[in-house]
Amino acid sequence: MWTRKELKEKAKQVLRTSYWKAFLVSLVLAIISGGIPSCSFNSSFSGSIGNNGSSMNLSGFFDGIGDWLNGALLVIIIIFAIIAGLIALAFRFFLIVPLEVGVRQYFKQAAQEDVNMNYLGYSFKKEKYLAIVKGMFWSAFLNFLWFLLLIVPGIVKAYSYSLVPYILADNANIGTKRAIALSIQMTRGQKWNMFVLDLSFIGWYLLGTLACGIGVLFVFPYVNSTEAELYLVLRQQALDDGVCTRSELNLMV
């Protein structure tokens, strides 16, 4: 059985020798996913101009034109919103998601004394890319359906699917259904402890919000490293219990 203290201590040991590499890896993901805090303030001003000399005879005509323009503008806005949404979705799943798996691969391997920033490009290899995109998309879609049902079930299922990127990092071609099923099995009976582990970082995040929140960036390596340690523990437990095999996870004997 794992404890938060043990995981965090292992994470600290890894970061003592490779903190700045871990920081750069976490920073890359934060930049590309738009997760960098900002302390900028925006102001907006609005005004209106009236014209009391408008002709009453033309008011109906201009009202009709105005209604038509408003309707056309609404359609254009909706079309652009749909296009922007599709572009954002494609950007996330075809670039950010593979990079996220690469980040998980880096921290997982760093926890095993294999510190190599080249793991960032792990998911973009030809034989892995589409399988990883498919697996991550399907797990996200299933989680989305649970959130449509209720918030709490969605959060619970988010923990159930949380190990999918690590499993795909171990073996990208394990299969979408198997990766999700294995993540569910690995997290069974562990979700509450995982939730408490996440809560234990709140103090660090609050501290990181100082200096316009930029300090949060320095917390990311600690969190990512701890989560990788958790996966390694749960993976070993799954291997010991016969839930999966080393060959299935592409691990060397």
C-alpha atoms as a PDB file:
ATOM      1  CA  MET A   1       0.000   0.000   0.000  1.00  0.00           C
ATOM      2  CA  TRP A   2       1.395   3.375  -0.969  1.00  0.00           C
ATOM      3  CA  THR A   3       1.390   6.564   1.072  1.00  0.00           C
ATOM      4  CA  ARG A   4       1.521  10.206   0.001  1.00  0.00           C
ATOM      5  CA  LYS A   5       4.686  10.755   2.009  1.00  0.00           C
ATOM      6  CA  GLU A   6       6.537   7.917   0.263  1.00  0.00           C
ATOM      7  CA  LEU A   7       5.526   9.055  -3.225  1.00  0.00           C
ATOM      8  CA  LYS A   8       6.485  12.660  -2.586  1.00  0.00           C
ATOM      9  CA  GLU A   9       9.814  11.680  -1.081  1.00  0.00           C
ATOM     10  CA  LYS A  10      10.641   9.565  -4.144  1.00  0.00           C
ATOM     11  CA  ALA A  11       9.615  12.479  -6.387  1.00  0.00           C
ATOM     12  CA  LYS A  12      11.892  14.831  -4.470  1.00  0.00           C
ATOM     13  CA  GLN A  13      14.802  12.425  -4.839  1.00  0.00           C
ATOM     14  CA  VAL A  14      14.336  12.360  -8.610  1.00  0.00           C
ATOM     15  CA  LEU A  15      14.019  16.150  -8.822  1.00  0.00           C
ATOM     16  CA  ARG A  16      17.160  16.735  -6.751  1.00  0.00           C
ATOM     17  CA  THR A  17      19.271  15.642  -9.712  1.00  0.00           C
ATOM     18  CA  SER A  18      17.061  16.661 -12.649  1.00  0.00           C
ATOM     19  CA  TYR A  19      14.753  19.454 -11.478  1.00  0.00           C
ATOM     20  CA  TRP A  20      15.474  21.911 -14.296  1.00  0.00           C
ATOM     21  CA  LYS A  21      14.922  19.319 -16.988  1.00  0.00           C
ATOM     22  CA  ALA A  22      11.622  18.420 -15.318  1.00  0.00           C
ATOM     23  CA  PHE A  23      10.792  22.121 -15.149  1.00  0.00           C
ATOM     24  CA  LEU A  24      11.434  22.619 -18.879  1.00  0.00           C
ATOM     25  CA  VAL A  25       9.324  19.577 -19.789  1.00  0.00           C
ATOM     26  CA  SER A  26       6.442  20.822 -17.618  1.00  0.00           C
ATOM     27  CA  LEU A  27       6.852  24.342 -19.011  1.00  0.00           C
ATOM     28  CA  VAL A  28       6.582  23.136 -22.620  1.00  0.00           C
ATOM     29  CA  LEU A  29       3.287  21.423 -21.848  1.00  0.00           C
ATOM     30  CA  ALA A  30       2.010  24.476 -19.944  1.00  0.00           C
ATOM     31  CA  ILE A  31       2.870  26.794 -22.836  1.00  0.00           C
ATOM     32  CA  ILE A  32       1.306  24.732 -25.590  1.00  0.00           C
ATOM     33  CA  SER A  33      -1.834  23.976 -23.569  1.00  0.00           C
ATOM     34  CA  GLY A  34      -2.259  27.598 -22.476  1.00  0.00           C
ATOM     35  CA  GLY A  35      -1.737  26.797 -18.810  1.00  0.00           C
ATOM     36  CA  ILE A  36       0.663  29.645 -18.016  1.00  0.00           C
ATOM     37  CA  PRO A  37      -0.685  32.010 -15.337  1.00  0.00           C
ATOM     38  CA  SER A  38      -0.976  35.688 -16.164  1.00  0.00           C
ATOM     39  CA  CYS A  39      -1.382  38.809 -14.065  1.00  0.00           C
ATOM     40  CA  SER A  40      -2.483  41.072 -16.918  1.00  0.00           C
ATOM     41  CA  PHE A  41      -5.607  43.107 -16.499  1.00  0.00           C
ATOM     42  CA  ASN A  42      -7.949  43.952 -19.350  1.00  0.00           C
ATOM     43  CA  SER A  43     -10.229  46.948 -19.566  1.00  0.00           C
ATOM     44  CA  SER A  44     -13.008  47.561 -22.021  1.00  0.00           C
ATOM     45  CA  PHE A  45     -14.945  50.641 -22.893  1.00  0.00           C
ATOM     46  CA  SER A  46     -18.234  50.911 -24.717  1.00  0.00           C
ATOM     47  CA  GLY A  47     -20.360  53.766 -25.853  1.00  0.00           C
ATOM     48  CA  SER A  48     -23.326  54.565 -28.023  1.00  0.00           C
ATOM     49  CA  ILE A  49     -24.190  57.347 -30.426  1.00  0.00           C
ATOM     50  CA  GLY A  50     -27.745  58.408 -30.978  1.00  0.00           C
ATOM     51  CA  ASN A  51     -29.299  60.365 -33.843  1.00  0.00           C
ATOM     52  CA  ASN A  52     -32.532  62.112 -32.998  1.00  0.00           C
ATOM     53  CA  GLY A  53     -32.901  63.466 -36.547  1.00  0.00           C
ATOM     54  CA  SER A  54     -33.762  60.117 -38.200  1.00  0.00           C
ATOM     55  CA  SER A  55     -36.742  60.169 -40.489  1.00  0.00           C
ATOM     56  CA  MET A  56     -39.810  58.452 -39.049  1.00  0.00           C
ATOM     57  CA  ASN A  57     -40.842  57.385 -42.558  1.00  0.00           C
ATOM     58  CA  LEU A  58     -37.742  55.249 -42.983  1.00  0.00           C
ATOM     59  CA  SER A  59     -37.743  53.754 -39.496  1.00  0.00           C
ATOM     60  CA  GLY A  60     -39.596  50.606 -40.541  1.00  0.00           C
ATOM     61  CA  PHE A  61     -37.279  50.045 -43.483  1.00  0.00           C
ATOM     62  CA  PHE A  62     -34.152  50.421 -41.378  1.00  0.00           C
ATOM     63  CA  ASP A  63     -35.649  48.213 -38.666  1.00  0.00           C
ATOM     64  CA  GLY A  64     -36.141  45.464 -41.255  1.00  0.00           C
ATOM     65  CA  ILE A  65     -32.599  45.858 -42.546  1.00  0.00           C
ATOM     66  CA  GLY A  66     -31.320  45.821 -38.966  1.00  0.00           C
ATOM     67  CA  ASP A  67     -33.193  42.598 -38.167  1.00  0.00           C
ATOM     68  CA  TRP A  68     -31.800  40.952 -41.294  1.00  0.00           C
ATOM     69  CA  LEU A  69     -28.250  42.052 -40.481  1.00  0.00           C
ATOM     70  CA  ASN A  70     -28.581  40.858 -36.896  1.00  0.00           C
ATOM     71  CA  GLY A  71     -29.800  37.472 -38.098  1.00  0.00           C
ATOM     72  CA  ALA A  72     -26.985  37.180 -40.647  1.00  0.00           C
ATOM     73  CA  LEU A  73     -24.436  38.258 -38.049  1.00  0.00           C
ATOM     74  CA  LEU A  74     -25.736  35.629 -35.614  1.00  0.00           C
ATOM     75  CA  VAL A  75     -25.389  32.891 -38.249  1.00  0.00           C
ATOM     76  CA  ILE A  76     -21.850  34.022 -39.066  1.00  0.00           C
ATOM     77  CA  ILE A  77     -20.910  34.052 -35.381  1.00  0.00           C
ATOM     78  CA  ILE A  78     -22.308  30.542 -34.915  1.00  0.00           C
ATOM     79  CA  ILE A  79     -20.423  29.238 -37.978  1.00  0.00           C
ATOM     80  CA  PHE A  80     -17.170  30.798 -36.821  1.00  0.00           C
ATOM     81  CA  ALA A  81     -17.705  29.449 -33.291  1.00  0.00           C
ATOM     82  CA  ILE A  82     -18.192  25.921 -34.664  1.00  0.00           C
ATOM     83  CA  ILE A  83     -15.103  26.207 -36.871  1.00  0.00           C
ATOM     84  CA  ALA A  84     -13.040  27.625 -33.996  1.00  0.00           C
ATOM     85  CA  GLY A  85     -14.249  24.825 -31.723  1.00  0.00           C
ATOM     86  CA  LEU A  86     -13.302  22.151 -34.254  1.00  0.00           C
ATOM     87  CA  ILE A  87      -9.875  23.724 -34.768  1.00  0.00           C
ATOM     88  CA  ALA A  88      -9.298  23.898 -31.012  1.00  0.00           C
ATOM     89  CA  LEU A  89     -10.401  20.281 -30.625  1.00  0.00           C
ATOM     90  CA  ALA A  90      -8.095  19.145 -33.418  1.00  0.00           C
ATOM     91  CA  PHE A  91      -5.212  21.153 -31.949  1.00  0.00           C
ATOM     92  CA  ARG A  92      -5.732  19.536 -28.578  1.00  0.00           C
ATOM     93  CA  PHE A  93      -5.964  15.918 -29.693  1.00  0.00           C
ATOM     94  CA  PHE A  94      -3.420  16.021 -32.520  1.00  0.00           C
ATOM     95  CA  LEU A  95      -0.759  18.078 -30.746  1.00  0.00           C
ATOM     96  CA  ILE A  96      -1.357  18.704 -27.041  1.00  0.00           C
ATOM     97  CA  VAL A  97      -2.541  15.189 -26.142  1.00  0.00           C
ATOM     98  CA  PRO A  98       0.422  13.378 -27.767  1.00  0.00           C
ATOM     99  CA  LEU A  99       2.732  15.851 -26.074  1.00  0.00           C
ATOM    100  CA  GLU A 100       1.019  15.140 -22.747  1.00  0.00           C
ATOM    101  CA  VAL A 101       1.719  11.430 -23.163  1.00  0.00           C
ATOM    102  CA  GLY A 102       5.334  12.323 -23.950  1.00  0.00           C
ATOM    103  CA  VAL A 103       5.511  14.321 -20.726  1.00  0.00           C
ATOM    104  CA  ARG A 104       4.137  11.325 -18.776  1.00  0.00           C
ATOM    105  CA  GLN A 105       6.720   9.131 -20.475  1.00  0.00           C
ATOM    106  CA  TYR A 106       9.513  11.509 -19.472  1.00  0.00           C
ATOM    107  CA  PHE A 107       8.528  11.602 -15.802  1.00  0.00           C
ATOM    108  CA  LYS A 108       7.870   7.857 -15.684  1.00  0.00           C
ATOM    109  CA  GLN A 109      11.288   7.110 -17.110  1.00  0.00           C
ATOM    110  CA  ALA A 110      12.991   9.769 -14.969  1.00  0.00           C
ATOM    111  CA  ALA A 111      11.604   7.988 -11.910  1.00  0.00           C
ATOM    112  CA  GLN A 112      13.517   4.935 -13.181  1.00  0.00           C
ATOM    113  CA  GLU A 113      16.782   6.858 -13.587  1.00  0.00           C
ATOM    114  CA  ASP A 114      16.341   7.380 -17.314  1.00  0.00           C
ATOM    115  CA  VAL A 115      16.327  11.168 -17.634  1.00  0.00           C
ATOM    116  CA  ASN A 116      15.990  12.036 -21.307  1.00  0.00           C
ATOM    117  CA  MET A 117      14.092  15.033 -22.678  1.00  0.00           C
ATOM    118  CA  ASN A 118      13.789  13.283 -26.042  1.00  0.00           C
ATOM    119  CA  TYR A 119      10.823  11.435 -24.532  1.00  0.00           C
ATOM    120  CA  LEU A 120       8.803  14.572 -25.255  1.00  0.00           C
ATOM    121  CA  GLY A 121       8.625  13.410 -28.863  1.00  0.00           C
ATOM    122  CA  TYR A 122       7.778   9.838 -27.906  1.00  0.00           C
ATOM    123  CA  SER A 123       4.176   9.995 -29.146  1.00  0.00           C
ATOM    124  CA  PHE A 124       5.020  11.491 -32.518  1.00  0.00           C
ATOM    125  CA  LYS A 125       6.719   8.369 -33.809  1.00  0.00           C
ATOM    126  CA  LYS A 126       4.894   6.920 -36.795  1.00  0.00           C
ATOM    127  CA  GLU A 127       4.081   3.577 -35.163  1.00  0.00           C
ATOM    128  CA  LYS A 128       2.697   5.188 -32.008  1.00  0.00           C
ATOM    129  CA  TYR A 129       1.034   8.482 -32.963  1.00  0.00           C
ATOM    130  CA  LEU A 130      -2.406   7.422 -34.231  1.00  0.00           C
ATOM    131  CA  ALA A 131      -2.810   4.738 -31.557  1.00  0.00           C
ATOM    132  CA  ILE A 132      -2.090   7.286 -28.819  1.00  0.00           C
ATOM    133  CA  VAL A 133      -4.416   9.912 -30.311  1.00  0.00           C
ATOM    134  CA  LYS A 134      -7.193   7.321 -30.618  1.00  0.00           C
ATOM    135  CA  GLY A 135      -6.744   6.014 -27.076  1.00  0.00           C
ATOM    136  CA  MET A 136      -6.660   9.454 -25.494  1.00  0.00           C
ATOM    137  CA  PHE A 137      -9.597  10.712 -27.555  1.00  0.00           C
ATOM    138  CA  TRP A 138     -11.798   7.762 -26.618  1.00  0.00           C
ATOM    139  CA  SER A 139     -11.016   7.971 -22.894  1.00  0.00           C
ATOM    140  CA  ALA A 140     -11.719  11.726 -22.957  1.00  0.00           C
ATOM    141  CA  PHE A 141     -14.976  11.138 -24.818  1.00  0.00           C
ATOM    142  CA  LEU A 142     -16.138   8.535 -22.296  1.00  0.00           C
ATOM    143  CA  ASN A 143     -15.234  10.862 -19.438  1.00  0.00           C
ATOM    144  CA  PHE A 144     -17.175  13.665 -21.151  1.00  0.00           C
ATOM    145  CA  LEU A 145     -20.273  11.450 -21.276  1.00  0.00           C
ATOM    146  CA  TRP A 146     -19.978  10.790 -17.549  1.00  0.00           C
ATOM    147  CA  PHE A 147     -19.722  14.537 -16.866  1.00  0.00           C
ATOM    148  CA  LEU A 148     -22.921  15.020 -18.877  1.00  0.00           C
ATOM    149  CA  LEU A 149     -24.596  12.641 -16.452  1.00  0.00           C
ATOM    150  CA  LEU A 150     -23.423  14.316 -13.237  1.00  0.00           C
ATOM    151  CA  ILE A 151     -20.353  16.189 -12.011  1.00  0.00           C
ATOM    152  CA  VAL A 152     -19.381  13.721  -9.272  1.00  0.00           C
ATOM    153  CA  PRO A 153     -19.516  10.596 -11.488  1.00  0.00           C
ATOM    154  CA  GLY A 154     -17.458  12.536 -14.030  1.00  0.00           C
ATOM    155  CA  ILE A 155     -14.778  13.303 -11.450  1.00  0.00           C
ATOM    156  CA  VAL A 156     -14.720   9.678 -10.273  1.00  0.00           C
ATOM    157  CA  LYS A 157     -14.345   8.421 -13.829  1.00  0.00           C
ATOM    158  CA  ALA A 158     -11.615  10.993 -14.488  1.00  0.00           C
ATOM    159  CA  TYR A 159      -9.554   9.167 -11.870  1.00  0.00           C
ATOM    160  CA  SER A 160     -10.505   5.814 -13.399  1.00  0.00           C
ATOM    161  CA  TYR A 161      -9.130   6.921 -16.777  1.00  0.00           C
ATOM    162  CA  SER A 162      -6.185   8.916 -15.398  1.00  0.00           C
ATOM    163  CA  LEU A 163      -3.594   6.183 -16.007  1.00  0.00           C
ATOM    164  CA  VAL A 164      -4.413   5.791 -19.705  1.00  0.00           C
ATOM    165  CA  PRO A 165      -1.598   8.177 -20.837  1.00  0.00           C
ATOM    166  CA  TYR A 166       0.940   6.248 -18.749  1.00  0.00           C
ATOM    167  CA  ILE A 167      -0.260   2.901 -20.105  1.00  0.00           C
ATOM    168  CA  LEU A 168      -0.058   4.212 -23.668  1.00  0.00           C
ATOM    169  CA  ALA A 169       3.411   5.528 -22.869  1.00  0.00           C
ATOM    170  CA  ASP A 170       4.403   2.000 -21.863  1.00  0.00           C
ATOM    171  CA  ASN A 171       2.808   0.395 -24.910  1.00  0.00           C
ATOM    172  CA  ALA A 172       1.099   2.646 -27.447  1.00  0.00           C
ATOM    173  CA  ASN A 173      -0.259  -0.355 -29.313  1.00  0.00           C
ATOM    174  CA  ILE A 174      -1.865  -2.072 -26.356  1.00  0.00           C
ATOM    175  CA  GLY A 175      -5.287  -1.152 -27.772  1.00  0.00           C
ATOM    176  CA  THR A 176      -7.742   1.557 -26.772  1.00  0.00           C
ATOM    177  CA  LYS A 177     -10.202  -0.703 -24.942  1.00  0.00           C
ATOM    178  CA  ARG A 178      -7.448  -2.547 -23.112  1.00  0.00           C
ATOM    179  CA  ALA A 179      -5.712   0.667 -22.027  1.00  0.00           C
ATOM    180  CA  ILE A 180      -8.957   2.021 -20.582  1.00  0.00           C
ATOM    181  CA  ALA A 181      -9.893  -1.298 -18.951  1.00  0.00           C
ATOM    182  CA  LEU A 182      -6.428  -1.612 -17.417  1.00  0.00           C
ATOM    183  CA  SER A 183      -6.545   1.939 -16.062  1.00  0.00           C
ATOM    184  CA  ILE A 184      -9.921   1.186 -14.458  1.00  0.00           C
ATOM    185  CA  GLN A 185      -8.532  -1.988 -12.872  1.00  0.00           C
ATOM    186  CA  MET A 186      -5.374  -0.277 -11.616  1.00  0.00           C
ATOM    187  CA  THR A 187      -7.328   2.553  -9.969  1.00  0.00           C
ATOM    188  CA  ARG A 188      -9.985   0.330  -8.406  1.00  0.00           C
ATOM    189  CA  GLY A 189     -10.018   1.034  -4.667  1.00  0.00           C
ATOM    190  CA  GLN A 190      -7.430   3.796  -5.149  1.00  0.00           C
ATOM    191  CA  LYS A 191      -9.504   6.745  -6.346  1.00  0.00           C
ATOM    192  CA  TRP A 192     -10.157   8.307  -2.938  1.00  0.00           C
ATOM    193  CA  ASN A 193      -6.474   8.141  -2.025  1.00  0.00           C
ATOM    194  CA  MET A 194      -5.609   9.639  -5.413  1.00  0.00           C
ATOM    195  CA  PHE A 195      -8.078  12.468  -4.777  1.00  0.00           C
ATOM    196  CA  VAL A 196      -6.528  13.163  -1.374  1.00  0.00           C
ATOM    197  CA  LEU A 197      -3.073  13.116  -2.985  1.00  0.00           C
ATOM    198  CA  ASP A 198      -4.212  15.838  -5.393  1.00  0.00           C
ATOM    199  CA  LEU A 199      -5.634  17.863  -2.514  1.00  0.00           C
ATOM    200  CA  SER A 200      -2.279  17.683  -0.724  1.00  0.00           C
ATOM    201  CA  PHE A 201      -0.791  19.982  -3.385  1.00  0.00           C
ATOM    202  CA  ILE A 202      -3.265  22.800  -2.744  1.00  0.00           C
ATOM    203  CA  GLY A 203      -0.883  24.503  -0.325  1.00  0.00           C
ATOM    204  CA  TRP A 204       1.860  24.501  -2.955  1.00  0.00           C
ATOM    205  CA  TYR A 205      -0.493  25.921  -5.573  1.00  0.00           C
ATOM    206  CA  LEU A 206      -1.617  28.678  -3.200  1.00  0.00           C
ATOM    207  CA  LEU A 207       2.008  29.508  -2.496  1.00  0.00           C
ATOM    208  CA  GLY A 208       2.702  29.478  -6.217  1.00  0.00           C
ATOM    209  CA  THR A 209      -0.009  32.052  -6.892  1.00  0.00           C
ATOM    210  CA  LEU A 210       2.302  34.658  -5.376  1.00  0.00           C
ATOM    211  CA  ALA A 211       4.126  36.792  -7.960  1.00  0.00           C
ATOM    212  CA  CYS A 212       1.112  36.804 -10.278  1.00  0.00           C
ATOM    213  CA  GLY A 213       0.826  33.013 -10.197  1.00  0.00           C
ATOM    214  CA  ILE A 214       4.126  32.392 -12.014  1.00  0.00           C
ATOM    215  CA  GLY A 215       5.291  30.403  -8.993  1.00  0.00           C
ATOM    216  CA  VAL A 216       2.774  27.699  -9.922  1.00  0.00           C
ATOM    217  CA  LEU A 217       5.055  26.746 -12.823  1.00  0.00           C
ATOM    218  CA  PHE A 218       7.669  25.615 -10.316  1.00  0.00           C
ATOM    219  CA  VAL A 219       5.118  23.309  -8.661  1.00  0.00           C
ATOM    220  CA  PHE A 220       4.287  21.396 -11.859  1.00  0.00           C
ATOM    221  CA  PRO A 221       7.499  19.274 -11.860  1.00  0.00           C
ATOM    222  CA  TYR A 222       6.804  18.169  -8.285  1.00  0.00           C
ATOM    223  CA  VAL A 223       3.208  17.204  -9.115  1.00  0.00           C
ATOM    224  CA  ASN A 224       4.129  15.441 -12.357  1.00  0.00           C
ATOM    225  CA  SER A 225       6.950  13.533 -10.714  1.00  0.00           C
ATOM    226  CA  THR A 226       4.731  12.414  -7.840  1.00  0.00           C
ATOM    227  CA  GLU A 227       2.011  11.222 -10.227  1.00  0.00           C
ATOM    228  CA  ALA A 228       4.600   9.206 -12.152  1.00  0.00           C
ATOM    229  CA  GLU A 229       5.711   7.560  -8.914  1.00  0.00           C
ATOM    230  CA  LEU A 230       2.079   6.669  -8.199  1.00  0.00           C
ATOM    231  CA  TYR A 231       1.714   5.032 -11.602  1.00  0.00           C
ATOM    232  CA  LEU A 232       4.832   2.928 -11.072  1.00  0.00           C
ATOM    233  CA  VAL A 233       3.475   1.696  -7.737  1.00  0.00           C
ATOM    234  CA  LEU A 234       0.044   0.868  -9.181  1.00  0.00           C
ATOM    235  CA  ARG A 235       1.650  -0.772 -12.219  1.00  0.00           C
ATOM    236  CA  GLN A 236       3.783  -3.024 -10.039  1.00  0.00           C
ATOM    237  CA  GLN A 237       0.735  -3.916  -7.963  1.00  0.00           C
ATOM    238  CA  ALA A 238      -1.167  -4.828 -11.134  1.00  0.00           C
ATOM    239  CA  LEU A 239       1.732  -7.006 -12.280  1.00  0.00           C
ATOM    240  CA  ASP A 240       1.911  -8.737  -8.909  1.00  0.00           C
ATOM    241  CA  ASP A 241      -1.855  -9.372  -8.931  1.00  0.00           C
ATOM    242  CA  GLY A 242      -1.786 -10.759 -12.463  1.00  0.00           C
ATOM    243  CA  VAL A 243      -4.003  -7.967 -13.822  1.00  0.00           C
ATOM    244  CA  CYS A 244      -1.505  -7.508 -16.670  1.00  0.00           C
ATOM    245  CA  THR A 245       1.803  -8.915 -17.830  1.00  0.00           C
ATOM    246  CA  ARG A 246       5.174  -7.327 -18.407  1.00  0.00           C
ATOM    247  CA  SER A 247       5.048  -8.157 -22.094  1.00  0.00           C
ATOM    248  CA  GLU A 248       1.632  -6.492 -22.395  1.00  0.00           C
ATOM    249  CA  LEU A 249       3.122  -3.267 -21.071  1.00  0.00           C
ATOM    250  CA  ASN A 250       6.187  -3.685 -23.250  1.00  0.00           C
ATOM    251  CA  LEU A 251       8.466  -3.980 -20.218  1.00  0.00           C
ATOM    252  CA  MET A 252      11.811  -5.709 -20.382  1.00  0.00           C
ATOM    253  CA  VAL A 253      12.036  -8.922 -18.373  1.00  0.00           C
END
